[in-house]
Amino acid sequence: MPTMRDRLHATLRAREYLEAALCCLTGALLFFRGPLLLRHDYHIPYDLEGYHLPLLSFIGDCLREYGQLPWWNPYTYMGEPFFGNVQAAMFYPATLPAVLAANALLGRVTLWCVEALLAAHVVWAGVGAYLLLRKLGTEHRASIAGAMIFCLGAFFASQAQHLGAVCAAAWLPWFLAALRRLEERTDWPSVALAAISLALMILAGSRRPGCRPCSSVPSCISTGVGSATRFWNGGRTGAGWRCYWPSCPWGYCCRLCVGFRAAKWPADQLPTGVPPPRLSAASRWRP
């Protein structure tokens, strides 16, 4: 049964996490004050407006007009599988709630909705960086400073037009924190957290941060070498399989993540008899 000291410690930690989240939220609002607060005068240009907005608008229009997800894209060349496009991120957990909320509140997906989704992931990246730094033993205020530097630093500032890259990078500190937990606890819940965070990096719509770490040949080799090394050291120290255990979950984590990713590829086998929705110019570009 938790004591009064344990409850006080848990309350203080909850306040620290809340303070870190508020700092990241404030920093994101100041950083994106133009697109979010002055949307009629400022917006994020280039790929966010010209590529990611039409993808999300297509999902929103199909849900609004036909009540189902768009499996086929008839507008590119002679047509192609839509949900097979990794940058459409149709199976990313944040995509459908954002699209449904935009349809319910604004009647369509606008550029402001996409910018708000991007800003929310910047905040999420800051909270994850704070969690990671705290797990590494960093002091509270230093962790907040590190989280602000990460989420408002060069990568997120330069990649603001690439929604998939920002969403995938937002899960990177959460994945590293899950690996830290896996190293400390070596249990199956830690394996699940690491696998889910790694899968979300892939489903977010950017292949570079997610696919290569889990499916490349060097990763498989390093996993095998690490497992053999741990087992050898465990045999020499008498720990046996207890030393081998931390590396086994990492291998299962990679395999589970690849299994999640494989769900996106059977797009070619689906029927495509649904007529395409009529897209208005307003729903495709400016709010």
C-alpha atoms as a PDB file:
ATOM      1  CA  MET A   1       0.000   0.000   0.000  1.00  0.00           C
ATOM      2  CA  PRO A   2       1.480   3.403  -1.003  1.00  0.00           C
ATOM      3  CA  THR A   3       2.550   5.614   1.856  1.00  0.00           C
ATOM      4  CA  MET A   4       2.010   9.344   2.242  1.00  0.00           C
ATOM      5  CA  ARG A   5       5.551   9.971   1.047  1.00  0.00           C
ATOM      6  CA  ASP A   6       4.947   7.957  -2.111  1.00  0.00           C
ATOM      7  CA  ARG A   7       1.754   9.882  -2.829  1.00  0.00           C
ATOM      8  CA  LEU A   8       3.509  13.205  -2.309  1.00  0.00           C
ATOM      9  CA  HIS A   9       6.303  12.133  -4.653  1.00  0.00           C
ATOM     10  CA  ALA A  10       3.786  11.064  -7.305  1.00  0.00           C
ATOM     11  CA  THR A  11       1.957  14.399  -6.983  1.00  0.00           C
ATOM     12  CA  LEU A  12       5.179  16.365  -7.380  1.00  0.00           C
ATOM     13  CA  ARG A  13       6.139  14.346 -10.463  1.00  0.00           C
ATOM     14  CA  ALA A  14       2.688  14.911 -11.981  1.00  0.00           C
ATOM     15  CA  ARG A  15       3.083  18.659 -11.427  1.00  0.00           C
ATOM     16  CA  GLU A  16       6.493  18.600 -13.053  1.00  0.00           C
ATOM     17  CA  TYR A  17       5.138  16.808 -16.131  1.00  0.00           C
ATOM     18  CA  LEU A  18       2.230  19.242 -16.319  1.00  0.00           C
ATOM     19  CA  GLU A  19       4.634  22.177 -16.108  1.00  0.00           C
ATOM     20  CA  ALA A  20       6.771  20.696 -18.886  1.00  0.00           C
ATOM     21  CA  ALA A  21       3.706  20.139 -21.095  1.00  0.00           C
ATOM     22  CA  LEU A  22       2.533  23.724 -20.543  1.00  0.00           C
ATOM     23  CA  CYS A  23       5.993  25.069 -21.393  1.00  0.00           C
ATOM     24  CA  CYS A  24       6.070  23.076 -24.636  1.00  0.00           C
ATOM     25  CA  LEU A  25       2.542  24.177 -25.493  1.00  0.00           C
ATOM     26  CA  THR A  26       3.406  27.828 -24.868  1.00  0.00           C
ATOM     27  CA  GLY A  27       6.560  27.550 -26.942  1.00  0.00           C
ATOM     28  CA  ALA A  28       4.678  25.941 -29.837  1.00  0.00           C
ATOM     29  CA  LEU A  29       1.977  28.632 -29.742  1.00  0.00           C
ATOM     30  CA  LEU A  30       4.634  31.347 -29.857  1.00  0.00           C
ATOM     31  CA  PHE A  31       6.557  29.566 -32.592  1.00  0.00           C
ATOM     32  CA  PHE A  32       3.462  28.950 -34.745  1.00  0.00           C
ATOM     33  CA  ARG A  33       1.642  32.138 -33.707  1.00  0.00           C
ATOM     34  CA  GLY A  34       1.279  33.266 -37.317  1.00  0.00           C
ATOM     35  CA  PRO A  35      -0.425  30.175 -38.821  1.00  0.00           C
ATOM     36  CA  LEU A  36      -2.422  29.298 -35.686  1.00  0.00           C
ATOM     37  CA  LEU A  37      -3.511  32.707 -34.366  1.00  0.00           C
ATOM     38  CA  LEU A  38      -3.325  34.891 -37.501  1.00  0.00           C
ATOM     39  CA  ARG A  39      -4.400  32.329 -40.067  1.00  0.00           C
ATOM     40  CA  HIS A  40      -5.798  34.854 -42.565  1.00  0.00           C
ATOM     41  CA  ASP A  41      -2.401  36.538 -42.892  1.00  0.00           C
ATOM     42  CA  TYR A  42       0.111  33.708 -42.423  1.00  0.00           C
ATOM     43  CA  HIS A  43       0.310  30.039 -43.316  1.00  0.00           C
ATOM     44  CA  ILE A  44       2.923  27.312 -43.760  1.00  0.00           C
ATOM     45  CA  PRO A  45       3.606  27.010 -47.511  1.00  0.00           C
ATOM     46  CA  TYR A  46       5.160  24.467 -49.868  1.00  0.00           C
ATOM     47  CA  ASP A  47       4.492  20.763 -49.280  1.00  0.00           C
ATOM     48  CA  LEU A  48       2.145  21.233 -46.345  1.00  0.00           C
ATOM     49  CA  GLU A  49      -0.222  23.250 -48.514  1.00  0.00           C
ATOM     50  CA  GLY A  50       0.426  21.625 -51.862  1.00  0.00           C
ATOM     51  CA  TYR A  51       0.755  17.956 -50.920  1.00  0.00           C
ATOM     52  CA  HIS A  52      -0.345  17.028 -47.393  1.00  0.00           C
ATOM     53  CA  LEU A  53      -3.490  19.166 -47.406  1.00  0.00           C
ATOM     54  CA  PRO A  54      -4.924  17.531 -50.572  1.00  0.00           C
ATOM     55  CA  LEU A  55      -4.266  14.075 -49.077  1.00  0.00           C
ATOM     56  CA  LEU A  56      -6.129  14.858 -45.856  1.00  0.00           C
ATOM     57  CA  SER A  57      -8.848  16.702 -47.777  1.00  0.00           C
ATOM     58  CA  PHE A  58      -9.367  13.626 -49.946  1.00  0.00           C
ATOM     59  CA  ILE A  59      -9.835  11.481 -46.826  1.00  0.00           C
ATOM     60  CA  GLY A  60     -12.239  14.025 -45.368  1.00  0.00           C
ATOM     61  CA  ASP A  61     -14.272  14.348 -48.573  1.00  0.00           C
ATOM     62  CA  CYS A  62     -14.622  10.568 -48.931  1.00  0.00           C
ATOM     63  CA  LEU A  63     -15.760  10.217 -45.325  1.00  0.00           C
ATOM     64  CA  ARG A  64     -18.210  13.091 -45.672  1.00  0.00           C
ATOM     65  CA  GLU A  65     -19.718  12.114 -49.032  1.00  0.00           C
ATOM     66  CA  TYR A  66     -19.484   8.308 -49.023  1.00  0.00           C
ATOM     67  CA  GLY A  67     -18.969   7.395 -45.383  1.00  0.00           C
ATOM     68  CA  GLN A  68     -15.862   5.278 -46.035  1.00  0.00           C
ATOM     69  CA  LEU A  69     -12.128   5.599 -46.375  1.00  0.00           C
ATOM     70  CA  PRO A  70     -10.567   6.219 -49.809  1.00  0.00           C
ATOM     71  CA  TRP A  71      -8.772   3.066 -50.860  1.00  0.00           C
ATOM     72  CA  TRP A  72      -8.075   4.268 -54.411  1.00  0.00           C
ATOM     73  CA  ASN A  73      -6.749   7.564 -55.772  1.00  0.00           C
ATOM     74  CA  PRO A  74      -8.096   8.210 -59.294  1.00  0.00           C
ATOM     75  CA  TYR A  75      -6.434  11.629 -59.686  1.00  0.00           C
ATOM     76  CA  THR A  76      -2.759  10.616 -60.008  1.00  0.00           C
ATOM     77  CA  TYR A  77      -1.731   9.269 -63.424  1.00  0.00           C
ATOM     78  CA  MET A  78      -4.226   6.449 -64.226  1.00  0.00           C
ATOM     79  CA  GLY A  79      -4.995   5.846 -60.569  1.00  0.00           C
ATOM     80  CA  GLU A  80      -3.078   4.259 -57.720  1.00  0.00           C
ATOM     81  CA  PRO A  81      -3.782   2.705 -54.307  1.00  0.00           C
ATOM     82  CA  PHE A  82      -4.305   5.581 -51.916  1.00  0.00           C
ATOM     83  CA  PHE A  83      -3.734   3.905 -48.581  1.00  0.00           C
ATOM     84  CA  GLY A  84      -0.601   2.276 -49.995  1.00  0.00           C
ATOM     85  CA  ASN A  85       0.896   5.785 -50.062  1.00  0.00           C
ATOM     86  CA  VAL A  86       2.886   5.952 -46.831  1.00  0.00           C
ATOM     87  CA  GLN A  87       2.631   9.753 -46.721  1.00  0.00           C
ATOM     88  CA  ALA A  88      -1.163   9.600 -46.687  1.00  0.00           C
ATOM     89  CA  ALA A  89      -0.804   8.102 -43.172  1.00  0.00           C
ATOM     90  CA  MET A  90      -4.319   6.733 -43.289  1.00  0.00           C
ATOM     91  CA  PHE A  91      -3.618   4.200 -40.534  1.00  0.00           C
ATOM     92  CA  TYR A  92      -1.827   6.660 -38.291  1.00  0.00           C
ATOM     93  CA  PRO A  93      -3.989   6.975 -35.133  1.00  0.00           C
ATOM     94  CA  ALA A  94      -4.047  10.784 -35.227  1.00  0.00           C
ATOM     95  CA  THR A  95      -5.177  11.103 -38.850  1.00  0.00           C
ATOM     96  CA  LEU A  96      -8.801   9.972 -38.671  1.00  0.00           C
ATOM     97  CA  PRO A  97      -9.675  11.842 -35.432  1.00  0.00           C
ATOM     98  CA  ALA A  98      -8.202  15.023 -36.911  1.00  0.00           C
ATOM     99  CA  VAL A  99     -10.117  14.600 -40.174  1.00  0.00           C
ATOM    100  CA  LEU A 100     -13.398  13.776 -38.408  1.00  0.00           C
ATOM    101  CA  ALA A 101     -12.995  16.744 -36.068  1.00  0.00           C
ATOM    102  CA  ALA A 102     -12.335  19.057 -39.023  1.00  0.00           C
ATOM    103  CA  ASN A 103     -15.433  17.775 -40.844  1.00  0.00           C
ATOM    104  CA  ALA A 104     -17.578  18.166 -37.730  1.00  0.00           C
ATOM    105  CA  LEU A 105     -16.371  21.629 -36.699  1.00  0.00           C
ATOM    106  CA  LEU A 106     -15.502  23.302 -40.016  1.00  0.00           C
ATOM    107  CA  GLY A 107     -17.304  21.147 -42.571  1.00  0.00           C
ATOM    108  CA  ARG A 108     -14.060  20.229 -44.358  1.00  0.00           C
ATOM    109  CA  VAL A 109     -10.342  19.820 -43.810  1.00  0.00           C
ATOM    110  CA  THR A 110      -8.632  23.200 -44.019  1.00  0.00           C
ATOM    111  CA  LEU A 111      -5.020  24.249 -44.026  1.00  0.00           C
ATOM    112  CA  TRP A 112      -5.403  25.572 -40.497  1.00  0.00           C
ATOM    113  CA  CYS A 113      -6.420  22.081 -39.319  1.00  0.00           C
ATOM    114  CA  VAL A 114      -3.277  20.569 -40.824  1.00  0.00           C
ATOM    115  CA  GLU A 115      -1.150  23.284 -39.224  1.00  0.00           C
ATOM    116  CA  ALA A 116      -2.792  22.634 -35.850  1.00  0.00           C
ATOM    117  CA  LEU A 117      -2.080  18.903 -36.229  1.00  0.00           C
ATOM    118  CA  LEU A 118       1.561  19.679 -36.966  1.00  0.00           C
ATOM    119  CA  ALA A 119       1.841  22.032 -33.969  1.00  0.00           C
ATOM    120  CA  ALA A 120       0.295  19.385 -31.702  1.00  0.00           C
ATOM    121  CA  HIS A 121       3.025  16.934 -32.716  1.00  0.00           C
ATOM    122  CA  VAL A 122       5.680  19.528 -31.945  1.00  0.00           C
ATOM    123  CA  VAL A 123       4.257  19.777 -28.419  1.00  0.00           C
ATOM    124  CA  TRP A 124       4.167  15.969 -28.200  1.00  0.00           C
ATOM    125  CA  ALA A 125       7.827  15.849 -29.238  1.00  0.00           C
ATOM    126  CA  GLY A 126       8.724  18.261 -26.446  1.00  0.00           C
ATOM    127  CA  VAL A 127       6.880  16.215 -23.827  1.00  0.00           C
ATOM    128  CA  GLY A 128       8.601  13.055 -25.038  1.00  0.00           C
ATOM    129  CA  ALA A 129      12.006  14.749 -24.908  1.00  0.00           C
ATOM    130  CA  TYR A 130      11.291  15.843 -21.322  1.00  0.00           C
ATOM    131  CA  LEU A 131      10.350  12.283 -20.372  1.00  0.00           C
ATOM    132  CA  LEU A 132      13.507  10.920 -21.973  1.00  0.00           C
ATOM    133  CA  LEU A 133      15.756  13.429 -20.207  1.00  0.00           C
ATOM    134  CA  ARG A 134      14.130  12.701 -16.870  1.00  0.00           C
ATOM    135  CA  LYS A 135      14.713   8.974 -17.385  1.00  0.00           C
ATOM    136  CA  LEU A 136      18.351   9.742 -18.084  1.00  0.00           C
ATOM    137  CA  GLY A 137      18.625  11.473 -14.716  1.00  0.00           C
ATOM    138  CA  THR A 138      18.465  15.115 -15.792  1.00  0.00           C
ATOM    139  CA  GLU A 139      17.132  17.734 -13.365  1.00  0.00           C
ATOM    140  CA  HIS A 140      13.616  19.110 -13.872  1.00  0.00           C
ATOM    141  CA  ARG A 141      14.444  22.581 -15.221  1.00  0.00           C
ATOM    142  CA  ALA A 142      17.291  21.295 -17.363  1.00  0.00           C
ATOM    143  CA  SER A 143      14.913  18.720 -18.832  1.00  0.00           C
ATOM    144  CA  ILE A 144      12.431  21.460 -19.720  1.00  0.00           C
ATOM    145  CA  ALA A 145      15.207  23.440 -21.401  1.00  0.00           C
ATOM    146  CA  GLY A 146      16.310  20.368 -23.361  1.00  0.00           C
ATOM    147  CA  ALA A 147      12.745  19.599 -24.405  1.00  0.00           C
ATOM    148  CA  MET A 148      12.224  23.157 -25.652  1.00  0.00           C
ATOM    149  CA  ILE A 149      15.473  23.064 -27.580  1.00  0.00           C
ATOM    150  CA  PHE A 150      14.492  19.758 -29.193  1.00  0.00           C
ATOM    151  CA  CYS A 151      10.911  20.575 -30.202  1.00  0.00           C
ATOM    152  CA  LEU A 152      11.652  24.147 -31.339  1.00  0.00           C
ATOM    153  CA  GLY A 153      15.085  23.447 -32.760  1.00  0.00           C
ATOM    154  CA  ALA A 154      16.517  23.256 -36.243  1.00  0.00           C
ATOM    155  CA  PHE A 155      14.841  20.039 -37.437  1.00  0.00           C
ATOM    156  CA  PHE A 156      11.246  20.949 -36.616  1.00  0.00           C
ATOM    157  CA  ALA A 157      11.760  24.528 -37.797  1.00  0.00           C
ATOM    158  CA  SER A 158      13.197  23.448 -41.157  1.00  0.00           C
ATOM    159  CA  GLN A 159      10.777  20.534 -41.710  1.00  0.00           C
ATOM    160  CA  ALA A 160       7.533  22.340 -40.843  1.00  0.00           C
ATOM    161  CA  GLN A 161       6.293  21.813 -44.406  1.00  0.00           C
ATOM    162  CA  HIS A 162       6.692  18.008 -44.120  1.00  0.00           C
ATOM    163  CA  LEU A 163       3.891  16.695 -41.936  1.00  0.00           C
ATOM    164  CA  GLY A 164       5.032  13.078 -42.045  1.00  0.00           C
ATOM    165  CA  ALA A 165       8.597  13.885 -41.024  1.00  0.00           C
ATOM    166  CA  VAL A 166       7.434  16.024 -38.098  1.00  0.00           C
ATOM    167  CA  CYS A 167       4.927  13.417 -36.885  1.00  0.00           C
ATOM    168  CA  ALA A 168       7.503  10.632 -37.095  1.00  0.00           C
ATOM    169  CA  ALA A 169      10.212  12.647 -35.357  1.00  0.00           C
ATOM    170  CA  ALA A 170       7.772  13.517 -32.573  1.00  0.00           C
ATOM    171  CA  TRP A 171       7.732   9.840 -31.568  1.00  0.00           C
ATOM    172  CA  LEU A 172      11.519   9.476 -31.538  1.00  0.00           C
ATOM    173  CA  PRO A 173      12.070  10.547 -27.892  1.00  0.00           C
ATOM    174  CA  TRP A 174       9.150   8.358 -26.814  1.00  0.00           C
ATOM    175  CA  PHE A 175      10.766   5.405 -28.566  1.00  0.00           C
ATOM    176  CA  LEU A 176      14.117   6.094 -26.894  1.00  0.00           C
ATOM    177  CA  ALA A 177      12.394   6.451 -23.518  1.00  0.00           C
ATOM    178  CA  ALA A 178      10.694   3.104 -24.116  1.00  0.00           C
ATOM    179  CA  LEU A 179      14.072   1.533 -24.877  1.00  0.00           C
ATOM    180  CA  ARG A 180      15.395   3.001 -21.650  1.00  0.00           C
ATOM    181  CA  ARG A 181      12.492   1.440 -19.774  1.00  0.00           C
ATOM    182  CA  LEU A 182      13.157  -1.834 -21.607  1.00  0.00           C
ATOM    183  CA  GLU A 183      16.744  -1.758 -20.404  1.00  0.00           C
ATOM    184  CA  GLU A 184      15.639  -1.134 -16.825  1.00  0.00           C
ATOM    185  CA  ARG A 185      12.670  -3.490 -16.482  1.00  0.00           C
ATOM    186  CA  THR A 186      13.038  -6.075 -19.300  1.00  0.00           C
ATOM    187  CA  ASP A 187       9.375  -7.092 -19.273  1.00  0.00           C
ATOM    188  CA  TRP A 188       6.782  -7.512 -22.010  1.00  0.00           C
ATOM    189  CA  PRO A 189       4.912  -4.226 -21.337  1.00  0.00           C
ATOM    190  CA  SER A 190       8.192  -2.442 -22.041  1.00  0.00           C
ATOM    191  CA  VAL A 191       8.523  -4.431 -25.272  1.00  0.00           C
ATOM    192  CA  ALA A 192       5.007  -3.400 -26.274  1.00  0.00           C
ATOM    193  CA  LEU A 193       5.697   0.298 -25.587  1.00  0.00           C
ATOM    194  CA  ALA A 194       8.873   0.219 -27.665  1.00  0.00           C
ATOM    195  CA  ALA A 195       7.188  -1.659 -30.524  1.00  0.00           C
ATOM    196  CA  ILE A 196       4.148   0.634 -30.576  1.00  0.00           C
ATOM    197  CA  SER A 197       6.214   3.828 -30.547  1.00  0.00           C
ATOM    198  CA  LEU A 198       8.433   2.498 -33.330  1.00  0.00           C
ATOM    199  CA  ALA A 199       5.405   1.440 -35.386  1.00  0.00           C
ATOM    200  CA  LEU A 200       3.868   4.891 -34.942  1.00  0.00           C
ATOM    201  CA  MET A 201       7.056   6.454 -36.302  1.00  0.00           C
ATOM    202  CA  ILE A 202       6.456   4.445 -39.483  1.00  0.00           C
ATOM    203  CA  LEU A 203       2.689   4.890 -39.722  1.00  0.00           C
ATOM    204  CA  ALA A 204       3.099   8.665 -39.298  1.00  0.00           C
ATOM    205  CA  GLY A 205       4.005   8.930 -42.958  1.00  0.00           C
ATOM    206  CA  SER A 206       7.780   9.162 -43.175  1.00  0.00           C
ATOM    207  CA  ARG A 207       9.778   6.104 -44.173  1.00  0.00           C
ATOM    208  CA  ARG A 208      13.180   7.399 -43.190  1.00  0.00           C
ATOM    209  CA  PRO A 209      12.908   7.610 -39.376  1.00  0.00           C
ATOM    210  CA  GLY A 210      10.945   4.405 -38.965  1.00  0.00           C
ATOM    211  CA  CYS A 211      11.546   1.701 -41.556  1.00  0.00           C
ATOM    212  CA  ARG A 212      15.300   1.698 -41.736  1.00  0.00           C
ATOM    213  CA  PRO A 213      16.058   1.249 -38.032  1.00  0.00           C
ATOM    214  CA  CYS A 214      13.865  -1.855 -37.780  1.00  0.00           C
ATOM    215  CA  SER A 215      14.136  -3.562 -41.168  1.00  0.00           C
ATOM    216  CA  SER A 216      17.648  -2.921 -42.454  1.00  0.00           C
ATOM    217  CA  VAL A 217      20.321  -5.597 -42.581  1.00  0.00           C
ATOM    218  CA  PRO A 218      22.696  -3.704 -40.222  1.00  0.00           C
ATOM    219  CA  SER A 219      19.944  -3.570 -37.607  1.00  0.00           C
ATOM    220  CA  CYS A 220      19.379  -7.335 -37.807  1.00  0.00           C
ATOM    221  CA  ILE A 221      23.118  -7.960 -37.596  1.00  0.00           C
ATOM    222  CA  SER A 222      23.529  -5.651 -34.621  1.00  0.00           C
ATOM    223  CA  THR A 223      20.573  -7.316 -32.864  1.00  0.00           C
ATOM    224  CA  GLY A 224      22.083 -10.767 -33.380  1.00  0.00           C
ATOM    225  CA  VAL A 225      25.561  -9.680 -32.275  1.00  0.00           C
ATOM    226  CA  GLY A 226      24.127  -7.935 -29.228  1.00  0.00           C
ATOM    227  CA  SER A 227      22.122 -11.029 -28.275  1.00  0.00           C
ATOM    228  CA  ALA A 228      25.139 -13.312 -28.638  1.00  0.00           C
ATOM    229  CA  THR A 229      27.326 -10.940 -26.637  1.00  0.00           C
ATOM    230  CA  ARG A 230      24.838 -10.672 -23.807  1.00  0.00           C
ATOM    231  CA  PHE A 231      24.396 -14.436 -23.694  1.00  0.00           C
ATOM    232  CA  TRP A 232      28.160 -15.003 -23.674  1.00  0.00           C
ATOM    233  CA  ASN A 233      28.704 -12.485 -20.885  1.00  0.00           C
ATOM    234  CA  GLY A 234      25.809 -13.992 -18.950  1.00  0.00           C
ATOM    235  CA  GLY A 235      27.310 -17.440 -19.235  1.00  0.00           C
ATOM    236  CA  ARG A 236      30.637 -16.174 -17.949  1.00  0.00           C
ATOM    237  CA  THR A 237      29.074 -14.352 -14.999  1.00  0.00           C
ATOM    238  CA  GLY A 238      26.551 -17.071 -14.171  1.00  0.00           C
ATOM    239  CA  ALA A 239      23.522 -14.931 -15.080  1.00  0.00           C
ATOM    240  CA  GLY A 240      22.563 -17.229 -17.965  1.00  0.00           C
ATOM    241  CA  TRP A 241      19.358 -16.319 -19.787  1.00  0.00           C
ATOM    242  CA  ARG A 242      18.741 -13.370 -17.470  1.00  0.00           C
ATOM    243  CA  CYS A 243      21.513 -11.500 -19.264  1.00  0.00           C
ATOM    244  CA  TYR A 244      20.222 -12.626 -22.650  1.00  0.00           C
ATOM    245  CA  TRP A 245      16.659 -11.499 -21.882  1.00  0.00           C
ATOM    246  CA  PRO A 246      17.060  -7.721 -22.549  1.00  0.00           C
ATOM    247  CA  SER A 247      18.215  -8.315 -26.131  1.00  0.00           C
ATOM    248  CA  CYS A 248      15.427 -10.787 -26.960  1.00  0.00           C
ATOM    249  CA  PRO A 249      12.634  -8.207 -26.459  1.00  0.00           C
ATOM    250  CA  TRP A 250      14.455  -5.790 -28.759  1.00  0.00           C
ATOM    251  CA  GLY A 251      14.373  -8.382 -31.533  1.00  0.00           C
ATOM    252  CA  TYR A 252      10.691  -9.052 -30.906  1.00  0.00           C
ATOM    253  CA  CYS A 253      10.100  -5.294 -30.852  1.00  0.00           C
ATOM    254  CA  CYS A 254      11.579  -4.977 -34.362  1.00  0.00           C
ATOM    255  CA  ARG A 255       9.566  -7.930 -35.669  1.00  0.00           C
ATOM    256  CA  LEU A 256       6.331  -6.627 -34.151  1.00  0.00           C
ATOM    257  CA  CYS A 257       6.926  -3.211 -35.677  1.00  0.00           C
ATOM    258  CA  VAL A 258       7.550  -4.750 -39.114  1.00  0.00           C
ATOM    259  CA  GLY A 259       4.286  -6.672 -38.695  1.00  0.00           C
ATOM    260  CA  PHE A 260       2.401  -3.436 -37.996  1.00  0.00           C
ATOM    261  CA  ARG A 261       4.001  -1.859 -41.050  1.00  0.00           C
ATOM    262  CA  ALA A 262       3.089  -4.806 -43.304  1.00  0.00           C
ATOM    263  CA  ALA A 263      -0.612  -4.006 -42.865  1.00  0.00           C
ATOM    264  CA  LYS A 264      -0.262  -1.130 -45.345  1.00  0.00           C
ATOM    265  CA  TRP A 265       0.806  -3.098 -48.392  1.00  0.00           C
ATOM    266  CA  PRO A 266      -2.168  -5.197 -49.641  1.00  0.00           C
ATOM    267  CA  ALA A 267      -3.769  -2.125 -51.222  1.00  0.00           C
ATOM    268  CA  ASP A 268      -3.541  -3.576 -54.730  1.00  0.00           C
ATOM    269  CA  GLN A 269      -5.990  -6.369 -53.892  1.00  0.00           C
ATOM    270  CA  LEU A 270      -8.905  -4.157 -52.845  1.00  0.00           C
ATOM    271  CA  PRO A 271     -11.880  -3.364 -55.139  1.00  0.00           C
ATOM    272  CA  THR A 272     -11.951   0.134 -56.545  1.00  0.00           C
ATOM    273  CA  GLY A 273     -15.528   0.565 -57.722  1.00  0.00           C
ATOM    274  CA  VAL A 274     -16.336   3.546 -55.505  1.00  0.00           C
ATOM    275  CA  PRO A 275     -16.662   6.721 -57.594  1.00  0.00           C
ATOM    276  CA  PRO A 276     -14.300   9.531 -56.612  1.00  0.00           C
ATOM    277  CA  PRO A 277     -15.743  12.471 -54.675  1.00  0.00           C
ATOM    278  CA  ARG A 278     -15.962  15.912 -56.211  1.00  0.00           C
ATOM    279  CA  LEU A 279     -13.252  18.033 -54.632  1.00  0.00           C
ATOM    280  CA  SER A 280     -13.751  21.755 -54.387  1.00  0.00           C
ATOM    281  CA  ALA A 281     -10.816  24.102 -54.728  1.00  0.00           C
ATOM    282  CA  ALA A 282     -11.557  25.585 -51.323  1.00  0.00           C
ATOM    283  CA  SER A 283     -11.266  22.213 -49.593  1.00  0.00           C
ATOM    284  CA  ARG A 284      -7.945  21.520 -51.211  1.00  0.00           C
ATOM    285  CA  TRP A 285      -6.036  24.696 -50.492  1.00  0.00           C
ATOM    286  CA  ARG A 286      -6.698  27.647 -48.220  1.00  0.00           C
ATOM    287  CA  PRO A 287      -8.886  27.667 -45.071  1.00  0.00           C
END
